[in-house]
Amino acid sequence: MGLIARDRELIKRCLHHEPGAWNDFVDRFLGLVYHVVQHTADMRSYPLRPEDKEDVAAQVLVKIVEHDYAALRTFRGKSSLASYLTVIARRTCVNELAHRLQAKEKEGHKAKEDIADEKPQHKPRPALDTLEEVGKLLKKLPSRERAVVRLFYLEGRSYEEISTELNIPVNSIGAILARARKKLRGED
């Protein structure tokens, strides 16, 4: 399947820096990026916390916009835009996970040297490795926040889709997700 007209127009709008074009692009493909990042991490048995997933997804978006949308400029339309972006997201994620793994290994070697008599000053947070743990954490949230988090992170829905489904203003979804993240981290 090749490039559809809707995506061709979206690329054109981004390349011409039309107002709102990047927001439309992000609304359309952010769910895909999150899904690819999570799937890639899962396939490599690399646990990602929600904030790590956001960081890697942000790296993918940076890769798309860097050098004045070079990634979109080089797209030839021989596949769907979603397929093309999946490849970019997967490659970026693999590179980012490899970088993080190297950093962890370096920290581990340094930590072994520095440990001596030091005791950890805080308990490490448990990784969100299973759906059961995620479910338990989600139950701590009020129903509206829980629904937004479920739709965004677990189902990969865009802000617009969540807004429509839950009848919530689009511009409030980011704030709801931020509050939910704080609560899940125990910062609130």
C-alpha atoms as a PDB file:
ATOM      1  CA  MET A   1       0.000   0.000   0.000  1.00  0.00           C
ATOM      2  CA  GLY A   2       1.417   3.357  -1.008  1.00  0.00           C
ATOM      3  CA  LEU A   3       1.031   6.832   0.369  1.00  0.00           C
ATOM      4  CA  ILE A   4      -2.565   7.954   0.870  1.00  0.00           C
ATOM      5  CA  ALA A   5      -3.714  11.462  -0.020  1.00  0.00           C
ATOM      6  CA  ARG A   6      -4.327  12.438   3.620  1.00  0.00           C
ATOM      7  CA  ASP A   7      -0.719  11.646   4.559  1.00  0.00           C
ATOM      8  CA  ARG A   8       0.687  13.247   1.389  1.00  0.00           C
ATOM      9  CA  GLU A   9      -1.108  16.474   2.339  1.00  0.00           C
ATOM     10  CA  LEU A  10       0.107  16.233   5.943  1.00  0.00           C
ATOM     11  CA  ILE A  11       3.726  15.869   4.792  1.00  0.00           C
ATOM     12  CA  LYS A  12       3.314  18.811   2.437  1.00  0.00           C
ATOM     13  CA  ARG A  13       1.893  20.966   5.245  1.00  0.00           C
ATOM     14  CA  CYS A  14       4.788  20.047   7.574  1.00  0.00           C
ATOM     15  CA  LEU A  15       7.422  20.746   4.929  1.00  0.00           C
ATOM     16  CA  HIS A  16       5.855  24.147   4.265  1.00  0.00           C
ATOM     17  CA  HIS A  17       5.730  24.865   8.031  1.00  0.00           C
ATOM     18  CA  GLU A  18       2.002  25.547   7.937  1.00  0.00           C
ATOM     19  CA  PRO A  19       0.459  26.485  11.300  1.00  0.00           C
ATOM     20  CA  GLY A  20      -0.873  23.454  13.139  1.00  0.00           C
ATOM     21  CA  ALA A  21       0.697  20.967  10.710  1.00  0.00           C
ATOM     22  CA  TRP A  22       3.117  19.495  13.256  1.00  0.00           C
ATOM     23  CA  ASN A  23       0.350  19.184  15.861  1.00  0.00           C
ATOM     24  CA  ASP A  24      -1.796  17.333  13.324  1.00  0.00           C
ATOM     25  CA  PHE A  25       1.157  15.081  12.492  1.00  0.00           C
ATOM     26  CA  VAL A  26       1.754  14.299  16.164  1.00  0.00           C
ATOM     27  CA  ASP A  27      -1.954  13.677  16.794  1.00  0.00           C
ATOM     28  CA  ARG A  28      -2.050  11.270  13.866  1.00  0.00           C
ATOM     29  CA  PHE A  29       1.144   9.293  14.567  1.00  0.00           C
ATOM     30  CA  LEU A  30       2.106   9.618  18.247  1.00  0.00           C
ATOM     31  CA  GLY A  31       0.106   6.516  19.177  1.00  0.00           C
ATOM     32  CA  LEU A  32       1.989   4.564  16.527  1.00  0.00           C
ATOM     33  CA  VAL A  33       5.331   5.854  17.831  1.00  0.00           C
ATOM     34  CA  TYR A  34       4.467   4.837  21.416  1.00  0.00           C
ATOM     35  CA  HIS A  35       3.347   1.417  20.238  1.00  0.00           C
ATOM     36  CA  VAL A  36       6.546   0.821  18.253  1.00  0.00           C
ATOM     37  CA  VAL A  37       8.709   2.005  21.151  1.00  0.00           C
ATOM     38  CA  GLN A  38       6.944  -0.320  23.613  1.00  0.00           C
ATOM     39  CA  HIS A  39       6.963  -3.272  21.216  1.00  0.00           C
ATOM     40  CA  THR A  40      10.652  -2.787  20.399  1.00  0.00           C
ATOM     41  CA  ALA A  41      11.534  -2.609  24.099  1.00  0.00           C
ATOM     42  CA  ASP A  42       9.405  -5.695  24.817  1.00  0.00           C
ATOM     43  CA  MET A  43      11.076  -7.651  22.018  1.00  0.00           C
ATOM     44  CA  ARG A  44      14.452  -6.816  23.542  1.00  0.00           C
ATOM     45  CA  SER A  45      13.288  -7.555  27.098  1.00  0.00           C
ATOM     46  CA  TYR A  46      14.092  -3.992  28.075  1.00  0.00           C
ATOM     47  CA  PRO A  47      11.649  -2.711  30.712  1.00  0.00           C
ATOM     48  CA  LEU A  48      10.525   0.863  30.084  1.00  0.00           C
ATOM     49  CA  ARG A  49       8.939   3.097  32.677  1.00  0.00           C
ATOM     50  CA  PRO A  50       6.295   5.467  31.292  1.00  0.00           C
ATOM     51  CA  GLU A  51       8.694   8.415  31.498  1.00  0.00           C
ATOM     52  CA  ASP A  52      11.374   6.419  29.633  1.00  0.00           C
ATOM     53  CA  LYS A  53       8.841   5.578  26.945  1.00  0.00           C
ATOM     54  CA  GLU A  54       8.039   9.277  26.616  1.00  0.00           C
ATOM     55  CA  ASP A  55      11.745  10.114  26.324  1.00  0.00           C
ATOM     56  CA  VAL A  56      12.319   7.547  23.576  1.00  0.00           C
ATOM     57  CA  ALA A  57       9.165   8.664  21.736  1.00  0.00           C
ATOM     58  CA  ALA A  58      10.427  12.245  21.947  1.00  0.00           C
ATOM     59  CA  GLN A  59      13.722  11.107  20.398  1.00  0.00           C
ATOM     60  CA  VAL A  60      11.758   9.592  17.508  1.00  0.00           C
ATOM     61  CA  LEU A  61       9.904  12.872  16.962  1.00  0.00           C
ATOM     62  CA  VAL A  62      13.186  14.789  17.084  1.00  0.00           C
ATOM     63  CA  LYS A  63      14.565  12.410  14.455  1.00  0.00           C
ATOM     64  CA  ILE A  64      11.605  13.244  12.200  1.00  0.00           C
ATOM     65  CA  VAL A  65      11.933  17.035  12.524  1.00  0.00           C
ATOM     66  CA  GLU A  66      15.726  17.354  12.639  1.00  0.00           C
ATOM     67  CA  HIS A  67      17.399  19.056   9.697  1.00  0.00           C
ATOM     68  CA  ASP A  68      14.128  20.706   8.678  1.00  0.00           C
ATOM     69  CA  TYR A  69      12.120  17.469   8.361  1.00  0.00           C
ATOM     70  CA  ALA A  70      14.857  15.617   6.457  1.00  0.00           C
ATOM     71  CA  ALA A  71      13.160  12.290   7.202  1.00  0.00           C
ATOM     72  CA  LEU A  72       9.943  13.477   5.561  1.00  0.00           C
ATOM     73  CA  ARG A  73      11.822  15.065   2.659  1.00  0.00           C
ATOM     74  CA  THR A  74      13.508  11.767   1.818  1.00  0.00           C
ATOM     75  CA  PHE A  75      10.272   9.762   1.973  1.00  0.00           C
ATOM     76  CA  ARG A  76       9.420   8.609  -1.550  1.00  0.00           C
ATOM     77  CA  GLY A  77       5.886   7.340  -0.937  1.00  0.00           C
ATOM     78  CA  LYS A  78       6.521   3.746  -2.002  1.00  0.00           C
ATOM     79  CA  SER A  79       4.975   2.531   1.253  1.00  0.00           C
ATOM     80  CA  SER A  80       2.468   3.948   3.658  1.00  0.00           C
ATOM     81  CA  LEU A  81       3.677   6.800   5.839  1.00  0.00           C
ATOM     82  CA  ALA A  82       2.881   4.673   8.892  1.00  0.00           C
ATOM     83  CA  SER A  83       5.215   1.909   7.648  1.00  0.00           C
ATOM     84  CA  TYR A  84       7.973   4.420   6.984  1.00  0.00           C
ATOM     85  CA  LEU A  85       7.575   6.002  10.421  1.00  0.00           C
ATOM     86  CA  THR A  86       7.560   2.549  12.030  1.00  0.00           C
ATOM     87  CA  VAL A  87      11.024   1.900  10.591  1.00  0.00           C
ATOM     88  CA  ILE A  88      12.298   5.274  11.824  1.00  0.00           C
ATOM     89  CA  ALA A  89      10.784   4.689  15.267  1.00  0.00           C
ATOM     90  CA  ARG A  90      12.185   1.174  15.544  1.00  0.00           C
ATOM     91  CA  ARG A  91      15.708   2.220  14.506  1.00  0.00           C
ATOM     92  CA  THR A  92      15.695   5.212  16.819  1.00  0.00           C
ATOM     93  CA  CYS A  93      14.386   3.087  19.681  1.00  0.00           C
ATOM     94  CA  VAL A  94      16.986   0.357  19.156  1.00  0.00           C
ATOM     95  CA  ASN A  95      19.765   2.963  19.150  1.00  0.00           C
ATOM     96  CA  GLU A  96      18.390   4.689  22.234  1.00  0.00           C
ATOM     97  CA  LEU A  97      17.964   1.407  24.144  1.00  0.00           C
ATOM     98  CA  ALA A  98      21.520   0.351  23.232  1.00  0.00           C
ATOM     99  CA  HIS A  99      22.806   3.727  24.439  1.00  0.00           C
ATOM    100  CA  ARG A 100      20.868   3.402  27.706  1.00  0.00           C
ATOM    101  CA  LEU A 101      22.123  -0.144  28.231  1.00  0.00           C
ATOM    102  CA  GLN A 102      25.731   0.984  27.771  1.00  0.00           C
ATOM    103  CA  ALA A 103      25.160   3.831  30.218  1.00  0.00           C
ATOM    104  CA  LYS A 104      23.685   1.403  32.770  1.00  0.00           C
ATOM    105  CA  GLU A 105      26.654  -0.924  32.370  1.00  0.00           C
ATOM    106  CA  LYS A 106      29.076   1.951  32.913  1.00  0.00           C
ATOM    107  CA  GLU A 107      27.108   3.051  35.995  1.00  0.00           C
ATOM    108  CA  GLY A 108      27.125  -0.532  37.260  1.00  0.00           C
ATOM    109  CA  HIS A 109      30.888  -0.816  36.993  1.00  0.00           C
ATOM    110  CA  LYS A 110      31.363   2.554  38.670  1.00  0.00           C
ATOM    111  CA  ALA A 111      28.819   1.718  41.364  1.00  0.00           C
ATOM    112  CA  LYS A 112      30.625  -1.509  42.216  1.00  0.00           C
ATOM    113  CA  GLU A 113      33.802   0.476  42.767  1.00  0.00           C
ATOM    114  CA  ASP A 114      32.016   3.146  44.835  1.00  0.00           C
ATOM    115  CA  ILE A 115      29.843   0.885  46.978  1.00  0.00           C
ATOM    116  CA  ALA A 116      32.267   0.204  49.835  1.00  0.00           C
ATOM    117  CA  ASP A 117      30.061   0.796  52.910  1.00  0.00           C
ATOM    118  CA  GLU A 118      27.366   2.971  51.387  1.00  0.00           C
ATOM    119  CA  LYS A 119      23.749   1.959  51.722  1.00  0.00           C
ATOM    120  CA  PRO A 120      21.106   2.994  49.204  1.00  0.00           C
ATOM    121  CA  GLN A 121      19.349   6.163  50.287  1.00  0.00           C
ATOM    122  CA  HIS A 122      16.059   5.307  48.619  1.00  0.00           C
ATOM    123  CA  LYS A 123      14.236   2.224  47.536  1.00  0.00           C
ATOM    124  CA  PRO A 124      14.331   1.589  43.804  1.00  0.00           C
ATOM    125  CA  ARG A 125      10.937   1.806  42.182  1.00  0.00           C
ATOM    126  CA  PRO A 126       9.555  -1.486  40.913  1.00  0.00           C
ATOM    127  CA  ALA A 127       9.516  -1.872  37.135  1.00  0.00           C
ATOM    128  CA  LEU A 128       6.145  -2.026  35.436  1.00  0.00           C
ATOM    129  CA  ASP A 129       6.834  -5.450  33.996  1.00  0.00           C
ATOM    130  CA  THR A 130       3.401  -6.991  34.011  1.00  0.00           C
ATOM    131  CA  LEU A 131      -0.082  -5.968  33.100  1.00  0.00           C
ATOM    132  CA  GLU A 132      -1.164  -7.010  36.580  1.00  0.00           C
ATOM    133  CA  GLU A 133       1.151  -4.414  38.140  1.00  0.00           C
ATOM    134  CA  VAL A 134      -0.079  -1.805  35.682  1.00  0.00           C
ATOM    135  CA  GLY A 135      -3.657  -2.682  36.584  1.00  0.00           C
ATOM    136  CA  LYS A 136      -2.926  -2.286  40.296  1.00  0.00           C
ATOM    137  CA  LEU A 137      -1.316   1.099  39.701  1.00  0.00           C
ATOM    138  CA  LEU A 138      -4.175   2.258  37.518  1.00  0.00           C
ATOM    139  CA  LYS A 139      -6.679   1.389  40.237  1.00  0.00           C
ATOM    140  CA  LYS A 140      -5.023   4.070  42.375  1.00  0.00           C
ATOM    141  CA  LEU A 141      -6.155   6.749  39.927  1.00  0.00           C
ATOM    142  CA  PRO A 142      -9.555   8.426  39.785  1.00  0.00           C
ATOM    143  CA  SER A 143     -11.749   6.996  37.017  1.00  0.00           C
ATOM    144  CA  ARG A 144     -11.266   9.883  34.559  1.00  0.00           C
ATOM    145  CA  GLU A 145      -7.467   9.830  34.876  1.00  0.00           C
ATOM    146  CA  ARG A 146      -7.463   6.041  34.687  1.00  0.00           C
ATOM    147  CA  ALA A 147      -9.472   6.143  31.449  1.00  0.00           C
ATOM    148  CA  VAL A 148      -7.166   8.744  29.875  1.00  0.00           C
ATOM    149  CA  VAL A 149      -4.013   6.815  30.873  1.00  0.00           C
ATOM    150  CA  ARG A 150      -5.466   3.534  29.591  1.00  0.00           C
ATOM    151  CA  LEU A 151      -6.461   5.021  26.236  1.00  0.00           C
ATOM    152  CA  PHE A 152      -3.195   6.912  25.721  1.00  0.00           C
ATOM    153  CA  TYR A 153      -0.555   4.459  26.962  1.00  0.00           C
ATOM    154  CA  LEU A 154      -2.167   1.063  26.615  1.00  0.00           C
ATOM    155  CA  GLU A 155      -4.268   1.626  23.493  1.00  0.00           C
ATOM    156  CA  GLY A 156      -2.043   4.234  21.821  1.00  0.00           C
ATOM    157  CA  ARG A 157      -4.891   6.667  21.156  1.00  0.00           C
ATOM    158  CA  SER A 158      -4.261  10.278  20.132  1.00  0.00           C
ATOM    159  CA  TYR A 159      -5.345  13.238  22.232  1.00  0.00           C
ATOM    160  CA  GLU A 160      -8.151  13.928  19.725  1.00  0.00           C
ATOM    161  CA  GLU A 161      -9.444  10.351  19.916  1.00  0.00           C
ATOM    162  CA  ILE A 162      -9.396  10.452  23.724  1.00  0.00           C
ATOM    163  CA  SER A 163     -11.139  13.827  23.698  1.00  0.00           C
ATOM    164  CA  THR A 164     -13.896  12.505  21.473  1.00  0.00           C
ATOM    165  CA  GLU A 165     -14.374   9.239  23.354  1.00  0.00           C
ATOM    166  CA  LEU A 166     -14.364  10.721  26.864  1.00  0.00           C
ATOM    167  CA  ASN A 167     -15.848  14.134  26.012  1.00  0.00           C
ATOM    168  CA  ILE A 168     -12.839  15.935  27.510  1.00  0.00           C
ATOM    169  CA  PRO A 169     -11.244  19.064  25.977  1.00  0.00           C
ATOM    170  CA  VAL A 170      -8.136  18.131  23.961  1.00  0.00           C
ATOM    171  CA  ASN A 171      -5.985  20.718  25.726  1.00  0.00           C
ATOM    172  CA  SER A 172      -6.674  19.170  29.147  1.00  0.00           C
ATOM    173  CA  ILE A 173      -5.456  15.678  28.289  1.00  0.00           C
ATOM    174  CA  GLY A 174      -1.753  16.491  28.634  1.00  0.00           C
ATOM    175  CA  ALA A 175      -2.347  17.939  32.103  1.00  0.00           C
ATOM    176  CA  ILE A 176      -4.397  14.888  33.117  1.00  0.00           C
ATOM    177  CA  LEU A 177      -1.599  12.571  31.965  1.00  0.00           C
ATOM    178  CA  ALA A 178       1.011  14.635  33.832  1.00  0.00           C
ATOM    179  CA  ARG A 179      -1.025  14.490  37.068  1.00  0.00           C
ATOM    180  CA  ALA A 180      -1.531  10.749  36.647  1.00  0.00           C
ATOM    181  CA  ARG A 181       2.211  10.188  36.134  1.00  0.00           C
ATOM    182  CA  LYS A 182       2.963  12.114  39.333  1.00  0.00           C
ATOM    183  CA  LYS A 183       0.434  10.071  41.276  1.00  0.00           C
ATOM    184  CA  LEU A 184       1.758   6.782  39.896  1.00  0.00           C
ATOM    185  CA  ARG A 185       5.313   7.771  40.805  1.00  0.00           C
ATOM    186  CA  GLY A 186       4.153   8.629  44.319  1.00  0.00           C
ATOM    187  CA  GLU A 187       5.061  12.298  43.952  1.00  0.00           C
ATOM    188  CA  ASP A 188       1.567  13.548  44.634  1.00  0.00           C
END
